Amino acid sequence: MLLAGIQTAVSLIYPAQCLGCGGLVGSDFGLCGTCWSGMRFISGTVCEGCGSPLPGEGDGFRLECDSCLRHPRPWSRGRSALLYEGQGRKLVLALKHGDRTEIAMTAAVWLERAAQPLLQDNPVICPVPLHWTRLLKRKYNQSALLAEALAERAGLEHCPDLLRRIRQTPALEGKTRDQRYQLLGSAICAHPGRLDRIRGRSVLIVDDVMTSGATLSACTDACLRAGAAEVRVAVLARVTQT
């Protein structure tokens, strides 16, 4: 009774606010109706390579979007929770650049729902790494927050430093696909002290946004070189028409 009373008092002093606009909502870490309607969640038939939505229904065969057909992915399967537009884009940017780390908790719920097919066989979950200089400037790795929250929800192993970014690269925004792949090159490798957690295992790499797939390809290549049996990717948001 005492705890319930304290919780009621706290909720009266600090009522739950919408993650998007800050308006009042019924529960913590939720979205109001207006912000919810601005989210473009992905459901139905999706590309097996990146999780982009596809028209029609599945026919039992592997389906891929035009981007994945033009540029085959080194990973086996991928999923995305939402499209990188509208209110979803605003939330991703707030998580990435606005110190809104609390968004990761709710985003992990969406990510777990989208990534269900990738959570079989107990994969080890790891984030796309940041170079230490960027981590120092940003103070946190948003992909690591998502990976940790997803692993906790799914009851799976999480290794935040499974991969390392050993070479600093410029921001990829505005770069072409070829420029992105060239810049990343061998910038990412497996942590030499974590090889026993990769060899013969399935690895699920988590990131906030997929654009060209260059970063996820570099991470996948690093895992495969280290002996991973299979690599899958799960991203919070997918940029379409790349």
Protein backbone atom coordinates (compact mmCIF):
# COMPACT_ATOMS: atom_id res chain seq x y z
CA MET A 1 0.00 0.00 0.00
CA LEU A 2 2.82 2.39 0.90
CA LEU A 3 4.61 1.75 -2.41
CA ALA A 4 1.39 2.23 -4.36
CA GLY A 5 0.81 5.51 -2.55
CA ILE A 6 4.31 6.72 -3.35
CA GLN A 7 3.89 5.79 -7.01
CA THR A 8 0.57 7.65 -7.16
CA ALA A 9 2.12 10.72 -5.60
CA VAL A 10 5.03 10.65 -8.03
CA SER A 11 2.68 10.29 -11.00
CA LEU A 12 0.73 13.33 -9.83
CA ILE A 13 3.89 15.41 -9.49
CA TYR A 14 5.55 14.03 -12.62
CA PRO A 15 2.77 12.86 -14.97
CA ALA A 16 3.69 10.61 -17.89
CA GLN A 17 4.68 12.53 -21.01
CA CYS A 18 4.61 11.59 -24.68
CA LEU A 19 8.03 10.62 -26.00
CA GLY A 20 7.35 12.64 -29.12
CA CYS A 21 5.75 15.95 -28.15
CA GLY A 22 5.88 15.97 -24.37
CA GLY A 23 2.10 16.00 -23.96
CA LEU A 24 0.36 14.02 -21.26
CA VAL A 25 -0.19 10.30 -21.88
CA GLY A 26 -1.58 7.40 -19.90
CA SER A 27 1.70 5.58 -19.19
CA ASP A 28 5.42 6.24 -19.06
CA PHE A 29 7.44 6.00 -22.29
CA GLY A 30 4.32 6.10 -24.47
CA LEU A 31 3.14 8.16 -27.43
CA CYS A 32 0.06 10.33 -27.71
CA GLY A 33 -2.47 9.62 -30.45
CA THR A 34 -1.12 12.34 -32.74
CA CYS A 35 2.50 11.20 -32.50
CA TRP A 36 1.48 7.55 -32.81
CA SER A 37 -0.33 8.30 -36.06
CA GLY A 38 2.89 9.84 -37.39
CA MET A 39 4.85 6.58 -36.94
CA ARG A 40 5.37 4.33 -39.95
CA PHE A 41 5.74 0.88 -38.41
CA ILE A 42 6.66 -1.94 -40.77
CA SER A 43 4.41 -5.00 -40.85
CA GLY A 44 3.12 -7.59 -43.27
CA THR A 45 5.32 -8.84 -46.10
CA VAL A 46 8.90 -7.61 -45.76
CA CYS A 47 12.26 -7.96 -47.47
CA GLU A 48 14.31 -10.77 -45.92
CA GLY A 49 17.47 -8.74 -46.42
CA CYS A 50 16.62 -5.48 -44.71
CA GLY A 51 13.03 -5.63 -43.49
CA SER A 52 11.64 -3.02 -45.88
CA PRO A 53 7.91 -3.42 -46.55
CA LEU A 54 6.94 -5.22 -49.76
CA PRO A 55 3.60 -5.29 -51.59
CA GLY A 56 1.51 -8.44 -51.76
CA GLU A 57 1.78 -11.59 -49.69
CA GLY A 58 4.61 -14.04 -49.11
CA ASP A 59 4.70 -17.13 -51.32
CA GLY A 60 7.00 -19.28 -49.21
CA PHE A 61 10.12 -18.18 -51.06
CA ARG A 62 12.69 -15.63 -49.97
CA LEU A 63 11.57 -12.13 -50.96
CA GLU A 64 13.92 -9.16 -51.26
CA CYS A 65 13.49 -5.50 -52.12
CA ASP A 66 15.08 -3.95 -55.21
CA SER A 67 17.93 -2.50 -53.14
CA CYS A 68 18.90 -5.87 -51.67
CA LEU A 69 18.60 -7.54 -55.07
CA ARG A 70 20.91 -4.95 -56.62
CA HIS A 71 23.34 -5.08 -53.71
CA PRO A 72 23.37 -8.56 -52.09
CA ARG A 73 23.93 -8.37 -48.34
CA PRO A 74 26.66 -10.34 -46.54
CA TRP A 75 24.29 -11.05 -43.64
CA SER A 76 21.63 -13.75 -43.84
CA ARG A 77 18.48 -11.93 -42.71
CA GLY A 78 17.50 -8.44 -41.61
CA ARG A 79 14.55 -6.69 -40.02
CA SER A 80 13.53 -3.06 -39.44
CA ALA A 81 10.94 -1.79 -36.99
CA LEU A 82 9.86 1.37 -38.79
CA LEU A 83 10.51 3.65 -41.73
CA TYR A 84 12.88 6.55 -41.22
CA GLU A 85 10.35 9.31 -41.80
CA GLY A 86 7.78 11.39 -39.97
CA GLN A 87 7.57 11.04 -36.21
CA GLY A 88 9.81 7.96 -36.29
CA ARG A 89 12.65 9.96 -37.80
CA LYS A 90 12.26 12.63 -35.11
CA LEU A 91 12.50 10.03 -32.35
CA VAL A 92 15.57 8.38 -33.91
CA LEU A 93 17.32 11.74 -34.17
CA ALA A 94 16.36 12.59 -30.59
CA LEU A 95 17.85 9.30 -29.41
CA LYS A 96 20.97 9.72 -31.51
CA HIS A 97 21.77 13.39 -31.04
CA GLY A 98 19.41 14.77 -28.41
CA ASP A 99 20.46 12.87 -25.26
CA ARG A 100 17.00 11.24 -25.20
CA THR A 101 18.34 7.89 -24.02
CA GLU A 102 14.99 6.93 -22.48
CA ILE A 103 13.63 6.41 -26.01
CA ALA A 104 15.71 3.23 -26.29
CA MET A 105 13.45 1.40 -23.82
CA THR A 106 10.33 1.91 -25.90
CA ALA A 107 12.17 1.48 -29.19
CA ALA A 108 13.39 -1.92 -28.01
CA VAL A 109 9.76 -3.05 -27.75
CA TRP A 110 9.21 -2.16 -31.41
CA LEU A 111 12.54 -3.70 -32.38
CA GLU A 112 11.81 -6.97 -30.58
CA ARG A 113 8.48 -7.29 -32.37
CA ALA A 114 10.10 -6.75 -35.78
CA ALA A 115 13.12 -8.95 -35.05
CA GLN A 116 11.24 -12.01 -33.76
CA PRO A 117 12.37 -14.28 -36.65
CA LEU A 118 16.00 -13.35 -35.90
CA LEU A 119 15.93 -14.21 -32.19
CA GLN A 120 15.89 -17.98 -32.63
CA ASP A 121 18.89 -20.21 -31.77
CA ASN A 122 20.17 -17.86 -29.03
CA PRO A 123 22.21 -15.39 -31.08
CA VAL A 124 24.65 -13.12 -29.28
CA ILE A 125 23.49 -9.53 -29.66
CA CYS A 126 25.94 -6.72 -30.29
CA PRO A 127 25.71 -3.08 -31.40
CA VAL A 128 27.36 -1.30 -34.29
CA PRO A 129 30.39 0.26 -32.58
CA LEU A 130 31.39 3.91 -32.39
CA HIS A 131 34.98 5.10 -32.62
CA TRP A 132 36.19 6.14 -29.16
CA THR A 133 36.54 9.77 -30.22
CA ARG A 134 32.91 9.95 -31.32
CA LEU A 135 31.79 8.06 -28.22
CA LEU A 136 33.64 10.59 -26.07
CA LYS A 137 31.90 13.46 -27.85
CA ARG A 138 28.40 11.90 -27.89
CA LYS A 139 28.73 10.34 -24.39
CA TYR A 140 26.83 7.19 -25.37
CA ASN A 141 26.30 4.79 -28.26
CA GLN A 142 22.61 4.78 -29.19
CA SER A 143 22.99 1.42 -30.94
CA ALA A 144 24.43 -0.08 -27.75
CA LEU A 145 21.44 1.20 -25.77
CA LEU A 146 19.08 -0.45 -28.26
CA ALA A 147 21.08 -3.71 -28.28
CA GLU A 148 21.16 -3.89 -24.49
CA ALA A 149 17.44 -3.21 -24.15
CA LEU A 150 16.59 -5.74 -26.87
CA ALA A 151 18.78 -8.43 -25.31
CA GLU A 152 17.21 -7.83 -21.91
CA ARG A 153 13.69 -8.11 -23.31
CA ALA A 154 14.51 -11.24 -25.33
CA GLY A 155 16.59 -12.87 -22.57
CA LEU A 156 19.61 -13.19 -24.87
CA GLU A 157 23.32 -12.64 -24.43
CA HIS A 158 24.54 -9.10 -25.05
CA CYS A 159 28.17 -8.24 -25.78
CA PRO A 160 28.54 -4.46 -26.14
CA ASP A 161 32.18 -4.59 -27.26
CA LEU A 162 32.03 -7.60 -29.55
CA LEU A 163 33.04 -5.28 -32.40
CA ARG A 164 35.45 -2.35 -32.44
CA ARG A 165 35.76 0.63 -34.76
CA ILE A 166 39.52 0.90 -35.05
CA ARG A 167 39.69 3.72 -37.58
CA GLN A 168 37.89 7.03 -37.35
CA THR A 169 35.66 7.78 -40.33
CA PRO A 170 33.81 10.99 -41.24
CA ALA A 171 30.05 11.24 -40.86
CA LEU A 172 28.30 9.22 -43.57
CA GLU A 173 25.33 11.56 -43.98
CA GLY A 174 25.21 12.88 -47.52
CA LYS A 175 27.69 10.32 -48.86
CA THR A 176 26.89 8.10 -51.82
CA ARG A 177 26.70 4.33 -51.44
CA ASP A 178 30.15 3.86 -52.99
CA GLN A 179 31.64 6.55 -50.78
CA ARG A 180 30.18 4.92 -47.68
CA TYR A 181 31.63 1.52 -48.53
CA GLN A 182 35.02 3.03 -49.39
CA LEU A 183 35.20 5.06 -46.18
CA LEU A 184 34.33 2.13 -43.94
CA GLY A 185 36.71 -0.36 -45.56
CA SER A 186 38.50 -2.13 -42.72
CA ALA A 187 37.42 0.36 -40.06
CA ILE A 188 35.58 -2.30 -38.03
CA CYS A 189 36.95 -5.54 -36.60
CA ALA A 190 36.08 -8.12 -33.97
CA HIS A 191 37.42 -7.50 -30.48
CA PRO A 192 40.40 -9.88 -30.11
CA GLY A 193 39.34 -10.67 -26.56
CA ARG A 194 35.81 -11.67 -27.61
CA LEU A 195 36.53 -14.17 -30.37
CA ASP A 196 35.28 -17.07 -28.26
CA ARG A 197 31.86 -15.39 -28.19
CA ILE A 198 31.75 -15.22 -32.00
CA ARG A 199 33.24 -18.46 -33.32
CA GLY A 200 30.53 -20.87 -34.42
CA ARG A 201 27.78 -18.58 -33.12
CA SER A 202 24.91 -16.69 -34.68
CA VAL A 203 25.38 -12.96 -34.21
CA LEU A 204 22.62 -10.35 -34.28
CA ILE A 205 23.94 -6.85 -35.01
CA VAL A 206 21.78 -3.93 -33.87
CA ASP A 207 21.82 -0.39 -35.26
CA ASP A 208 19.56 2.63 -35.14
CA VAL A 209 19.27 3.36 -38.87
CA MET A 210 20.07 1.50 -42.09
CA THR A 211 20.69 3.60 -45.18
CA SER A 212 22.97 1.95 -47.74
CA GLY A 213 23.91 -0.93 -45.44
CA ALA A 214 27.63 -0.13 -45.65
CA THR A 215 28.16 0.02 -41.90
CA LEU A 216 26.25 -3.19 -41.28
CA SER A 217 28.17 -4.87 -44.11
CA ALA A 218 31.49 -3.90 -42.51
CA CYS A 219 30.28 -5.26 -39.16
CA THR A 220 29.05 -8.46 -40.78
CA ASP A 221 32.34 -8.99 -42.60
CA ALA A 222 34.21 -8.55 -39.32
CA CYS A 223 32.03 -11.18 -37.61
CA LEU A 224 32.40 -13.65 -40.48
CA ARG A 225 36.18 -13.19 -40.52
CA ALA A 226 36.15 -13.96 -36.80
CA GLY A 227 34.33 -17.25 -37.41
CA ALA A 228 30.64 -16.44 -36.91
CA ALA A 229 28.35 -19.17 -38.22
CA GLU A 230 25.67 -16.66 -39.28
CA VAL A 231 25.07 -12.93 -39.02
CA ARG A 232 21.68 -11.23 -38.83
CA VAL A 233 20.87 -7.53 -38.52
CA ALA A 234 18.09 -5.62 -36.80
CA VAL A 235 17.63 -1.87 -37.10
CA LEU A 236 15.18 0.52 -35.54
CA ALA A 237 14.54 2.44 -38.77
CA ARG A 238 15.08 1.83 -42.48
CA VAL A 239 15.74 4.58 -45.00
CA THR A 240 13.93 3.62 -48.19
CA GLN A 241 14.85 4.23 -51.83
CA THR A 242 18.63 4.03 -51.37
